[in-house]
Amino acid sequence: MAQGCRHLAGIRDVVPSALGCEECLQLGDPWLHLRVCRTCGHVGCCDQSPNRHATKHFHATNHPIIEAYDPPEGWGWCYVDEIMFDLSDRPTPHGGSIPRFY
C-alpha cells in the first residue's frame, strides 16, 4: 500500500449511501465520476465535476480516504497525506449507478 499514509488502517468496508452523488441527485446537477468515502460510505462527485462534493465531504467531516467508485478504478486517495494507493484488493461492492447526465 501507500508509504507515508497514516490513515490506511482507518479504511472500512462501507455500504454506498446512494447510486449517484447524493447532493447532485438532490440538486438535479450532473457529475463526471463518483468517489465513495471509505469511512462512512458517502457517495460524492469528483473534482472534475462542477460541484466537487467528495472533496466538500472531506472538508466537512475530515474523513480522509476516498475510493474511485464509478467507474470502479481500483485506486484510493488520502486527502490528508495527498497519496494515491491501490484498493483493487478491497473494492467497495458496486451496486450500479444512475446516468451521470453527461
PDB file of N, CA and C in Angstrom:
ATOM      1  N   MET A   1       0.832  -1.190   0.000  1.00  0.00           N
ATOM      2  CA  MET A   1       0.000   0.000   0.000  1.00  0.00           C
ATOM      3  C   MET A   1       0.873   1.249   0.000  1.00  0.00           C
ATOM      4  N   ALA A   2       0.290   2.363   0.278  1.00  0.00           N
ATOM      5  CA  ALA A   2       0.971   3.650   0.141  1.00  0.00           C
ATOM      6  C   ALA A   2       1.909   3.916   1.313  1.00  0.00           C
ATOM      7  N   GLN A   3       3.164   4.140   0.988  1.00  0.00           N
ATOM      8  CA  GLN A   3       4.138   4.522   2.001  1.00  0.00           C
ATOM      9  C   GLN A   3       3.827   5.938   2.467  1.00  0.00           C
ATOM     10  N   GLY A   4       3.856   6.167   3.748  1.00  0.00           N
ATOM     11  CA  GLY A   4       3.687   7.514   4.259  1.00  0.00           C
ATOM     12  C   GLY A   4       2.267   7.935   4.578  1.00  0.00           C
ATOM     13  N   CYS A   5       1.280   7.104   4.289  1.00  0.00           N
ATOM     14  CA  CYS A   5      -0.098   7.461   4.635  1.00  0.00           C
ATOM     15  C   CYS A   5      -0.423   6.893   6.010  1.00  0.00           C
ATOM     16  N   ARG A   6      -0.814   7.787   6.908  1.00  0.00           N
ATOM     17  CA  ARG A   6      -1.112   7.394   8.282  1.00  0.00           C
ATOM     18  C   ARG A   6      -2.562   6.959   8.475  1.00  0.00           C
ATOM     19  N   HIS A   7      -3.364   6.956   7.413  1.00  0.00           N
ATOM     20  CA  HIS A   7      -4.802   6.743   7.550  1.00  0.00           C
ATOM     21  C   HIS A   7      -5.293   5.414   6.982  1.00  0.00           C
ATOM     22  N   LEU A   8      -4.393   4.611   6.451  1.00  0.00           N
ATOM     23  CA  LEU A   8      -4.805   3.366   5.796  1.00  0.00           C
ATOM     24  C   LEU A   8      -5.505   2.404   6.744  1.00  0.00           C
ATOM     25  N   ALA A   9      -5.102   2.388   7.995  1.00  0.00           N
ATOM     26  CA  ALA A   9      -5.733   1.489   8.963  1.00  0.00           C
ATOM     27  C   ALA A   9      -7.192   1.855   9.212  1.00  0.00           C
ATOM     28  N   GLY A  10      -7.579   3.068   8.861  1.00  0.00           N
ATOM     29  CA  GLY A  10      -8.956   3.520   9.059  1.00  0.00           C
ATOM     30  C   GLY A  10      -9.895   3.183   7.914  1.00  0.00           C
ATOM     31  N   ILE A  11      -9.381   2.538   6.870  1.00  0.00           N
ATOM     32  CA  ILE A  11     -10.247   2.174   5.742  1.00  0.00           C
ATOM     33  C   ILE A  11     -11.246   1.126   6.207  1.00  0.00           C
ATOM     34  N   ARG A  12     -12.503   1.399   5.952  1.00  0.00           N
ATOM     35  CA  ARG A  12     -13.580   0.486   6.348  1.00  0.00           C
ATOM     36  C   ARG A  12     -14.274  -0.062   5.113  1.00  0.00           C
ATOM     37  N   ASP A  13     -14.855  -1.235   5.262  1.00  0.00           N
ATOM     38  CA  ASP A  13     -15.777  -1.738   4.247  1.00  0.00           C
ATOM     39  C   ASP A  13     -17.079  -0.994   4.482  1.00  0.00           C
ATOM     40  N   VAL A  14     -17.582  -0.325   3.449  1.00  0.00           N
ATOM     41  CA  VAL A  14     -18.746   0.547   3.609  1.00  0.00           C
ATOM     42  C   VAL A  14     -19.848   0.150   2.632  1.00  0.00           C
ATOM     43  N   VAL A  15     -21.045   0.586   2.948  1.00  0.00           N
ATOM     44  CA  VAL A  15     -22.189   0.461   2.047  1.00  0.00           C
ATOM     45  C   VAL A  15     -22.396   1.838   1.428  1.00  0.00           C
ATOM     46  N   PRO A  16     -22.319   1.942   0.104  1.00  0.00           N
ATOM     47  CA  PRO A  16     -22.504   3.254  -0.541  1.00  0.00           C
ATOM     48  C   PRO A  16     -23.859   3.854  -0.190  1.00  0.00           C
ATOM     49  N   SER A  17     -23.865   5.143   0.057  1.00  0.00           N
ATOM     50  CA  SER A  17     -25.058   5.844   0.515  1.00  0.00           C
ATOM     51  C   SER A  17     -26.077   6.115  -0.586  1.00  0.00           C
ATOM     52  N   ALA A  18     -25.656   6.041  -1.838  1.00  0.00           N
ATOM     53  CA  ALA A  18     -26.555   6.334  -2.959  1.00  0.00           C
ATOM     54  C   ALA A  18     -25.992   5.710  -4.233  1.00  0.00           C
ATOM     55  N   LEU A  19     -26.809   5.672  -5.270  1.00  0.00           N
ATOM     56  CA  LEU A  19     -26.355   5.164  -6.565  1.00  0.00           C
ATOM     57  C   LEU A  19     -25.679   6.237  -7.401  1.00  0.00           C
ATOM     58  N   GLY A  20     -25.662   7.454  -6.903  1.00  0.00           N
ATOM     59  CA  GLY A  20     -25.002   8.572  -7.557  1.00  0.00           C
ATOM     60  C   GLY A  20     -24.564   9.547  -6.487  1.00  0.00           C
ATOM     61  N   CYS A  21     -24.061  10.687  -6.892  1.00  0.00           N
ATOM     62  CA  CYS A  21     -23.655  11.711  -5.927  1.00  0.00           C
ATOM     63  C   CYS A  21     -24.891  12.167  -5.157  1.00  0.00           C
ATOM     64  N   GLU A  22     -24.854  11.994  -3.843  1.00  0.00           N
ATOM     65  CA  GLU A  22     -26.023  12.325  -3.012  1.00  0.00           C
ATOM     66  C   GLU A  22     -26.519  13.745  -3.244  1.00  0.00           C
ATOM     67  N   GLU A  23     -25.619  14.704  -3.173  1.00  0.00           N
ATOM     68  CA  GLU A  23     -26.001  16.106  -3.272  1.00  0.00           C
ATOM     69  C   GLU A  23     -26.443  16.461  -4.694  1.00  0.00           C
ATOM     70  N   CYS A  24     -25.738  15.957  -5.701  1.00  0.00           N
ATOM     71  CA  CYS A  24     -26.120  16.251  -7.091  1.00  0.00           C
ATOM     72  C   CYS A  24     -27.498  15.676  -7.411  1.00  0.00           C
ATOM     73  N   LEU A  25     -27.793  14.505  -6.867  1.00  0.00           N
ATOM     74  CA  LEU A  25     -29.123  13.930  -7.078  1.00  0.00           C
ATOM     75  C   LEU A  25     -30.194  14.844  -6.501  1.00  0.00           C
ATOM     76  N   GLN A  26     -29.952  15.397  -5.323  1.00  0.00           N
ATOM     77  CA  GLN A  26     -30.921  16.305  -4.704  1.00  0.00           C
ATOM     78  C   GLN A  26     -31.061  17.602  -5.496  1.00  0.00           C
ATOM     79  N   LEU A  27     -29.947  18.080  -6.055  1.00  0.00           N
ATOM     80  CA  LEU A  27     -29.956  19.336  -6.798  1.00  0.00           C
ATOM     81  C   LEU A  27     -30.367  19.175  -8.261  1.00  0.00           C
ATOM     82  N   GLY A  28     -30.319  17.957  -8.767  1.00  0.00           N
ATOM     83  CA  GLY A  28     -30.567  17.722 -10.184  1.00  0.00           C
ATOM     84  C   GLY A  28     -29.379  18.108 -11.043  1.00  0.00           C
ATOM     85  N   ASP A  29     -28.184  18.124 -10.456  1.00  0.00           N
ATOM     86  CA  ASP A  29     -26.964  18.515 -11.161  1.00  0.00           C
ATOM     87  C   ASP A  29     -26.223  17.308 -11.724  1.00  0.00           C
ATOM     88  N   PRO A  30     -25.392  17.522 -12.751  1.00  0.00           N
ATOM     89  CA  PRO A  30     -24.596  16.439 -13.344  1.00  0.00           C
ATOM     90  C   PRO A  30     -23.285  16.212 -12.595  1.00  0.00           C
ATOM     91  N   TRP A  31     -22.664  15.064 -12.850  1.00  0.00           N
ATOM     92  CA  TRP A  31     -21.323  14.774 -12.341  1.00  0.00           C
ATOM     93  C   TRP A  31     -20.592  13.947 -13.386  1.00  0.00           C
ATOM     94  N   LEU A  32     -19.268  13.857 -13.230  1.00  0.00           N
ATOM     95  CA  LEU A  32     -18.449  13.053 -14.138  1.00  0.00           C
ATOM     96  C   LEU A  32     -18.172  11.670 -13.566  1.00  0.00           C
ATOM     97  N   HIS A  33     -17.541  11.623 -12.394  1.00  0.00           N
ATOM     98  CA  HIS A  33     -17.191  10.359 -11.752  1.00  0.00           C
ATOM     99  C   HIS A  33     -17.568  10.441 -10.280  1.00  0.00           C
ATOM    100  N   LEU A  34     -17.706   9.262  -9.687  1.00  0.00           N
ATOM    101  CA  LEU A  34     -18.093   9.202  -8.286  1.00  0.00           C
ATOM    102  C   LEU A  34     -16.936   8.752  -7.414  1.00  0.00           C
ATOM    103  N   ARG A  35     -16.942   9.209  -6.180  1.00  0.00           N
ATOM    104  CA  ARG A  35     -15.990   8.806  -5.154  1.00  0.00           C
ATOM    105  C   ARG A  35     -16.791   8.374  -3.934  1.00  0.00           C
ATOM    106  N   VAL A  36     -16.359   7.290  -3.308  1.00  0.00           N
ATOM    107  CA  VAL A  36     -17.036   6.815  -2.098  1.00  0.00           C
ATOM    108  C   VAL A  36     -16.089   6.986  -0.915  1.00  0.00           C
ATOM    109  N   CYS A  37     -16.610   7.530   0.160  1.00  0.00           N
ATOM    110  CA  CYS A  37     -15.845   7.723   1.390  1.00  0.00           C
ATOM    111  C   CYS A  37     -15.669   6.362   2.053  1.00  0.00           C
ATOM    112  N   ARG A  38     -14.424   5.990   2.334  1.00  0.00           N
ATOM    113  CA  ARG A  38     -14.161   4.691   2.947  1.00  0.00           C
ATOM    114  C   ARG A  38     -14.219   4.753   4.470  1.00  0.00           C
ATOM    115  N   THR A  39     -14.760   5.849   5.008  1.00  0.00           N
ATOM    116  CA  THR A  39     -15.058   5.932   6.432  1.00  0.00           C
ATOM    117  C   THR A  39     -16.538   5.707   6.674  1.00  0.00           C
ATOM    118  N   CYS A  40     -17.398   6.374   5.862  1.00  0.00           N
ATOM    119  CA  CYS A  40     -18.843   6.323   6.135  1.00  0.00           C
ATOM    120  C   CYS A  40     -19.699   5.867   4.955  1.00  0.00           C
ATOM    121  N   GLY A  41     -19.144   5.786   3.742  1.00  0.00           N
ATOM    122  CA  GLY A  41     -19.924   5.352   2.590  1.00  0.00           C
ATOM    123  C   GLY A  41     -20.567   6.466   1.794  1.00  0.00           C
ATOM    124  N   HIS A  42     -20.354   7.723   2.176  1.00  0.00           N
ATOM    125  CA  HIS A  42     -20.920   8.844   1.414  1.00  0.00           C
ATOM    126  C   HIS A  42     -20.445   8.779  -0.025  1.00  0.00           C
ATOM    127  N   VAL A  43     -21.366   8.934  -0.961  1.00  0.00           N
ATOM    128  CA  VAL A  43     -21.023   8.977  -2.384  1.00  0.00           C
ATOM    129  C   VAL A  43     -21.100  10.419  -2.844  1.00  0.00           C
ATOM    130  N   GLY A  44     -19.976  10.921  -3.360  1.00  0.00           N
ATOM    131  CA  GLY A  44     -19.897  12.292  -3.849  1.00  0.00           C
ATOM    132  C   GLY A  44     -19.232  12.327  -5.210  1.00  0.00           C
ATOM    133  N   CYS A  45     -19.339  13.456  -5.875  1.00  0.00           N
ATOM    134  CA  CYS A  45     -18.757  13.603  -7.214  1.00  0.00           C
ATOM    135  C   CYS A  45     -17.297  14.041  -7.123  1.00  0.00           C
ATOM    136  N   CYS A  46     -16.555  13.750  -8.177  1.00  0.00           N
ATOM    137  CA  CYS A  46     -15.118  14.018  -8.238  1.00  0.00           C
ATOM    138  C   CYS A  46     -14.816  15.502  -8.429  1.00  0.00           C
ATOM    139  N   ASP A  47     -13.541  15.842  -8.354  1.00  0.00           N
ATOM    140  CA  ASP A  47     -13.124  17.234  -8.504  1.00  0.00           C
ATOM    141  C   ASP A  47     -13.223  17.752  -9.931  1.00  0.00           C
ATOM    142  N   GLN A  48     -13.417  16.891 -10.907  1.00  0.00           N
ATOM    143  CA  GLN A  48     -13.658  17.347 -12.274  1.00  0.00           C
ATOM    144  C   GLN A  48     -15.140  17.627 -12.521  1.00  0.00           C
ATOM    145  N   SER A  49     -15.975  17.260 -11.570  1.00  0.00           N
ATOM    146  CA  SER A  49     -17.404  17.554 -11.642  1.00  0.00           C
ATOM    147  C   SER A  49     -17.644  18.988 -11.168  1.00  0.00           C
ATOM    148  N   PRO A  50     -18.727  19.614 -11.623  1.00  0.00           N
ATOM    149  CA  PRO A  50     -18.958  21.016 -11.256  1.00  0.00           C
ATOM    150  C   PRO A  50     -19.016  21.297  -9.754  1.00  0.00           C
ATOM    151  N   ASN A  51     -19.566  20.374  -8.963  1.00  0.00           N
ATOM    152  CA  ASN A  51     -19.790  20.654  -7.541  1.00  0.00           C
ATOM    153  C   ASN A  51     -18.746  20.092  -6.580  1.00  0.00           C
ATOM    154  N   ARG A  52     -17.947  19.153  -7.004  1.00  0.00           N
ATOM    155  CA  ARG A  52     -16.847  18.601  -6.178  1.00  0.00           C
ATOM    156  C   ARG A  52     -17.320  18.153  -4.792  1.00  0.00           C
ATOM    157  N   HIS A  53     -18.399  17.391  -4.745  1.00  0.00           N
ATOM    158  CA  HIS A  53     -18.996  17.030  -3.454  1.00  0.00           C
ATOM    159  C   HIS A  53     -18.145  16.065  -2.629  1.00  0.00           C
ATOM    160  N   ALA A  54     -17.325  15.213  -3.245  1.00  0.00           N
ATOM    161  CA  ALA A  54     -16.477  14.320  -2.452  1.00  0.00           C
ATOM    162  C   ALA A  54     -15.482  15.133  -1.624  1.00  0.00           C
ATOM    163  N   THR A  55     -14.851  16.117  -2.237  1.00  0.00           N
ATOM    164  CA  THR A  55     -13.906  16.963  -1.508  1.00  0.00           C
ATOM    165  C   THR A  55     -14.626  17.803  -0.457  1.00  0.00           C
ATOM    166  N   LYS A  56     -15.807  18.292  -0.774  1.00  0.00           N
ATOM    167  CA  LYS A  56     -16.582  19.047   0.217  1.00  0.00           C
ATOM    168  C   LYS A  56     -16.928  18.164   1.419  1.00  0.00           C
ATOM    169  N   HIS A  57     -17.217  16.888   1.162  1.00  0.00           N
ATOM    170  CA  HIS A  57     -17.491  15.947   2.250  1.00  0.00           C
ATOM    171  C   HIS A  57     -16.254  15.804   3.143  1.00  0.00           C
ATOM    172  N   PHE A  58     -15.077  15.678   2.533  1.00  0.00           N
ATOM    173  CA  PHE A  58     -13.842  15.611   3.328  1.00  0.00           C
ATOM    174  C   PHE A  58     -13.689  16.844   4.209  1.00  0.00           C
ATOM    175  N   HIS A  59     -13.878  18.034   3.651  1.00  0.00           N
ATOM    176  CA  HIS A  59     -13.708  19.268   4.432  1.00  0.00           C
ATOM    177  C   HIS A  59     -14.733  19.362   5.572  1.00  0.00           C
ATOM    178  N   ALA A  60     -15.921  18.827   5.364  1.00  0.00           N
ATOM    179  CA  ALA A  60     -16.962  18.877   6.395  1.00  0.00           C
ATOM    180  C   ALA A  60     -16.766  17.828   7.489  1.00  0.00           C
ATOM    181  N   THR A  61     -16.147  16.687   7.148  1.00  0.00           N
ATOM    182  CA  THR A  61     -16.090  15.559   8.083  1.00  0.00           C
ATOM    183  C   THR A  61     -14.682  15.160   8.523  1.00  0.00           C
ATOM    184  N   ASN A  62     -13.670  15.554   7.741  1.00  0.00           N
ATOM    185  CA  ASN A  62     -12.292  15.094   7.932  1.00  0.00           C
ATOM    186  C   ASN A  62     -12.127  13.593   7.720  1.00  0.00           C
ATOM    187  N   HIS A  63     -13.044  12.959   6.991  1.00  0.00           N
ATOM    188  CA  HIS A  63     -12.867  11.557   6.609  1.00  0.00           C
ATOM    189  C   HIS A  63     -11.811  11.533   5.498  1.00  0.00           C
ATOM    190  N   PRO A  64     -10.646  10.914   5.730  1.00  0.00           N
ATOM    191  CA  PRO A  64      -9.503  11.129   4.846  1.00  0.00           C
ATOM    192  C   PRO A  64      -9.466  10.323   3.547  1.00  0.00           C
ATOM    193  N   ILE A  65     -10.093   9.155   3.493  1.00  0.00           N
ATOM    194  CA  ILE A  65      -9.883   8.246   2.365  1.00  0.00           C
ATOM    195  C   ILE A  65     -11.123   8.145   1.485  1.00  0.00           C
ATOM    196  N   ILE A  66     -10.908   8.321   0.172  1.00  0.00           N
ATOM    197  CA  ILE A  66     -11.962   8.051  -0.806  1.00  0.00           C
ATOM    198  C   ILE A  66     -11.481   6.970  -1.752  1.00  0.00           C
ATOM    199  N   GLU A  67     -12.442   6.370  -2.431  1.00  0.00           N
ATOM    200  CA  GLU A  67     -12.170   5.364  -3.471  1.00  0.00           C
ATOM    201  C   GLU A  67     -12.835   5.821  -4.756  1.00  0.00           C
ATOM    202  N   ALA A  68     -12.140   5.640  -5.872  1.00  0.00           N
ATOM    203  CA  ALA A  68     -12.755   5.884  -7.174  1.00  0.00           C
ATOM    204  C   ALA A  68     -13.847   4.834  -7.341  1.00  0.00           C
ATOM    205  N   TYR A  69     -15.084   5.285  -7.477  1.00  0.00           N
ATOM    206  CA  TYR A  69     -16.228   4.372  -7.377  1.00  0.00           C
ATOM    207  C   TYR A  69     -16.947   4.137  -8.689  1.00  0.00           C
ATOM    208  N   ASP A  70     -17.147   5.141  -9.492  1.00  0.00           N
ATOM    209  CA  ASP A  70     -17.894   4.945 -10.732  1.00  0.00           C
ATOM    210  C   ASP A  70     -17.258   5.767 -11.839  1.00  0.00           C
ATOM    211  N   PRO A  71     -16.594   5.117 -12.758  1.00  0.00           N
ATOM    212  CA  PRO A  71     -16.440   3.666 -12.817  1.00  0.00           C
ATOM    213  C   PRO A  71     -15.437   3.184 -11.772  1.00  0.00           C
ATOM    214  N   PRO A  72     -15.557   1.904 -11.356  1.00  0.00           N
ATOM    215  CA  PRO A  72     -14.568   1.368 -10.406  1.00  0.00           C
ATOM    216  C   PRO A  72     -13.180   1.380 -11.057  1.00  0.00           C
ATOM    217  N   GLU A  73     -12.222   2.004 -10.401  1.00  0.00           N
ATOM    218  CA  GLU A  73     -10.891   2.139 -10.980  1.00  0.00           C
ATOM    219  C   GLU A  73      -9.804   1.486 -10.136  1.00  0.00           C
ATOM    220  N   GLY A  74     -10.137   1.013  -8.940  1.00  0.00           N
ATOM    221  CA  GLY A  74      -9.173   0.273  -8.135  1.00  0.00           C
ATOM    222  C   GLY A  74      -8.178   1.114  -7.363  1.00  0.00           C
ATOM    223  N   TRP A  75      -8.417   2.422  -7.265  1.00  0.00           N
ATOM    224  CA  TRP A  75      -7.478   3.257  -6.517  1.00  0.00           C
ATOM    225  C   TRP A  75      -8.199   4.045  -5.439  1.00  0.00           C
ATOM    226  N   GLY A  76      -7.402   4.431  -4.439  1.00  0.00           N
ATOM    227  CA  GLY A  76      -7.887   5.276  -3.359  1.00  0.00           C
ATOM    228  C   GLY A  76      -7.025   6.512  -3.256  1.00  0.00           C
ATOM    229  N   TRP A  77      -7.509   7.497  -2.498  1.00  0.00           N
ATOM    230  CA  TRP A  77      -6.796   8.755  -2.309  1.00  0.00           C
ATOM    231  C   TRP A  77      -6.967   9.183  -0.865  1.00  0.00           C
ATOM    232  N   CYS A  78      -5.862   9.601  -0.248  1.00  0.00           N
ATOM    233  CA  CYS A  78      -5.916  10.189   1.083  1.00  0.00           C
ATOM    234  C   CYS A  78      -5.802  11.692   0.927  1.00  0.00           C
ATOM    235  N   TYR A  79      -6.851  12.402   1.308  1.00  0.00           N
ATOM    236  CA  TYR A  79      -6.842  13.864   1.226  1.00  0.00           C
ATOM    237  C   TYR A  79      -5.787  14.481   2.148  1.00  0.00           C
ATOM    238  N   VAL A  80      -5.589  13.909   3.310  1.00  0.00           N
ATOM    239  CA  VAL A  80      -4.679  14.489   4.289  1.00  0.00           C
ATOM    240  C   VAL A  80      -3.225  14.344   3.839  1.00  0.00           C
ATOM    241  N   ASP A  81      -2.835  13.130   3.482  1.00  0.00           N
ATOM    242  CA  ASP A  81      -1.448  12.866   3.102  1.00  0.00           C
ATOM    243  C   ASP A  81      -1.186  13.051   1.606  1.00  0.00           C
ATOM    244  N   GLU A  82      -2.245  13.318   0.844  1.00  0.00           N
ATOM    245  CA  GLU A  82      -2.145  13.536  -0.603  1.00  0.00           C
ATOM    246  C   GLU A  82      -1.395  12.403  -1.290  1.00  0.00           C
ATOM    247  N   ILE A  83      -1.877  11.178  -1.029  1.00  0.00           N
ATOM    248  CA  ILE A  83      -1.255   9.978  -1.571  1.00  0.00           C
ATOM    249  C   ILE A  83      -2.328   9.116  -2.228  1.00  0.00           C
ATOM    250  N   MET A  84      -2.015   8.637  -3.430  1.00  0.00           N
ATOM    251  CA  MET A  84      -2.868   7.689  -4.129  1.00  0.00           C
ATOM    252  C   MET A  84      -2.338   6.283  -3.836  1.00  0.00           C
ATOM    253  N   PHE A  85      -3.241   5.310  -3.753  1.00  0.00           N
ATOM    254  CA  PHE A  85      -2.820   3.943  -3.473  1.00  0.00           C
ATOM    255  C   PHE A  85      -3.800   2.954  -4.089  1.00  0.00           C
ATOM    256  N   ASP A  86      -3.374   1.708  -4.151  1.00  0.00           N
ATOM    257  CA  ASP A  86      -4.134   0.626  -4.772  1.00  0.00           C
ATOM    258  C   ASP A  86      -5.194   0.099  -3.801  1.00  0.00           C
ATOM    259  N   LEU A  87      -6.440   0.056  -4.253  1.00  0.00           N
ATOM    260  CA  LEU A  87      -7.526  -0.556  -3.485  1.00  0.00           C
ATOM    261  C   LEU A  87      -8.173  -1.700  -4.249  1.00  0.00           C
ATOM    262  N   SER A  88      -7.506  -2.181  -5.289  1.00  0.00           N
ATOM    263  CA  SER A  88      -8.116  -3.216  -6.136  1.00  0.00           C
ATOM    264  C   SER A  88      -8.358  -4.521  -5.380  1.00  0.00           C
ATOM    265  N   ASP A  89      -7.655  -4.730  -4.270  1.00  0.00           N
ATOM    266  CA  ASP A  89      -7.875  -5.929  -3.466  1.00  0.00           C
ATOM    267  C   ASP A  89      -8.963  -5.731  -2.409  1.00  0.00           C
ATOM    268  N   ARG A  90      -9.465  -4.497  -2.257  1.00  0.00           N
ATOM    269  CA  ARG A  90     -10.509  -4.173  -1.275  1.00  0.00           C
ATOM    270  C   ARG A  90     -11.553  -3.227  -1.851  1.00  0.00           C
ATOM    271  N   PRO A  91     -12.107  -3.531  -3.019  1.00  0.00           N
ATOM    272  CA  PRO A  91     -13.058  -2.581  -3.611  1.00  0.00           C
ATOM    273  C   PRO A  91     -14.391  -2.570  -2.867  1.00  0.00           C
ATOM    274  N   THR A  92     -15.046  -1.434  -2.925  1.00  0.00           N
ATOM    275  CA  THR A  92     -16.404  -1.328  -2.412  1.00  0.00           C
ATOM    276  C   THR A  92     -17.324  -2.002  -3.417  1.00  0.00           C
ATOM    277  N   PRO A  93     -18.219  -2.888  -2.960  1.00  0.00           N
ATOM    278  CA  PRO A  93     -19.152  -3.514  -3.906  1.00  0.00           C
ATOM    279  C   PRO A  93     -19.922  -2.456  -4.686  1.00  0.00           C
ATOM    280  N   HIS A  94     -20.015  -2.674  -5.961  1.00  0.00           N
ATOM    281  CA  HIS A  94     -20.639  -1.697  -6.847  1.00  0.00           C
ATOM    282  C   HIS A  94     -22.060  -2.130  -7.141  1.00  0.00           C
ATOM    283  N   GLY A  95     -23.012  -1.282  -6.776  1.00  0.00           N
ATOM    284  CA  GLY A  95     -24.417  -1.597  -6.975  1.00  0.00           C
ATOM    285  C   GLY A  95     -24.992  -1.043  -8.255  1.00  0.00           C
ATOM    286  N   GLY A  96     -24.131  -0.568  -9.152  1.00  0.00           N
ATOM    287  CA  GLY A  96     -24.628   0.085 -10.355  1.00  0.00           C
ATOM    288  C   GLY A  96     -24.871   1.546 -10.064  1.00  0.00           C
ATOM    289  N   SER A  97     -25.036   2.325 -11.080  1.00  0.00           N
ATOM    290  CA  SER A  97     -25.271   3.745 -10.864  1.00  0.00           C
ATOM    291  C   SER A  97     -26.306   4.267 -11.842  1.00  0.00           C
ATOM    292  N   ILE A  98     -26.825   5.411 -11.523  1.00  0.00           N
ATOM    293  CA  ILE A  98     -27.754   6.048 -12.441  1.00  0.00           C
ATOM    294  C   ILE A  98     -26.952   6.885 -13.429  1.00  0.00           C
ATOM    295  N   PRO A  99     -27.521   7.276 -14.533  1.00  0.00           N
ATOM    296  CA  PRO A  99     -26.771   8.049 -15.526  1.00  0.00           C
ATOM    297  C   PRO A  99     -26.195   9.338 -14.935  1.00  0.00           C
ATOM    298  N   ARG A 100     -25.045   9.743 -15.449  1.00  0.00           N
ATOM    299  CA  ARG A 100     -24.339  10.916 -14.950  1.00  0.00           C
ATOM    300  C   ARG A 100     -24.834  12.211 -15.577  1.00  0.00           C
ATOM    301  N   PHE A 101     -25.672  12.165 -16.540  1.00  0.00           N
ATOM    302  CA  PHE A 101     -26.222  13.330 -17.224  1.00  0.00           C
ATOM    303  C   PHE A 101     -25.236  13.959 -18.186  1.00  0.00           C
ATOM    304  N   TYR A 102     -24.005  13.444 -18.312  1.00  0.00           N
ATOM    305  CA  TYR A 102     -23.031  13.985 -19.265  1.00  0.00           C
ATOM    306  C   TYR A 102     -23.019  13.132 -20.500  1.00  0.00           C
TER     307      TYR A 102
END
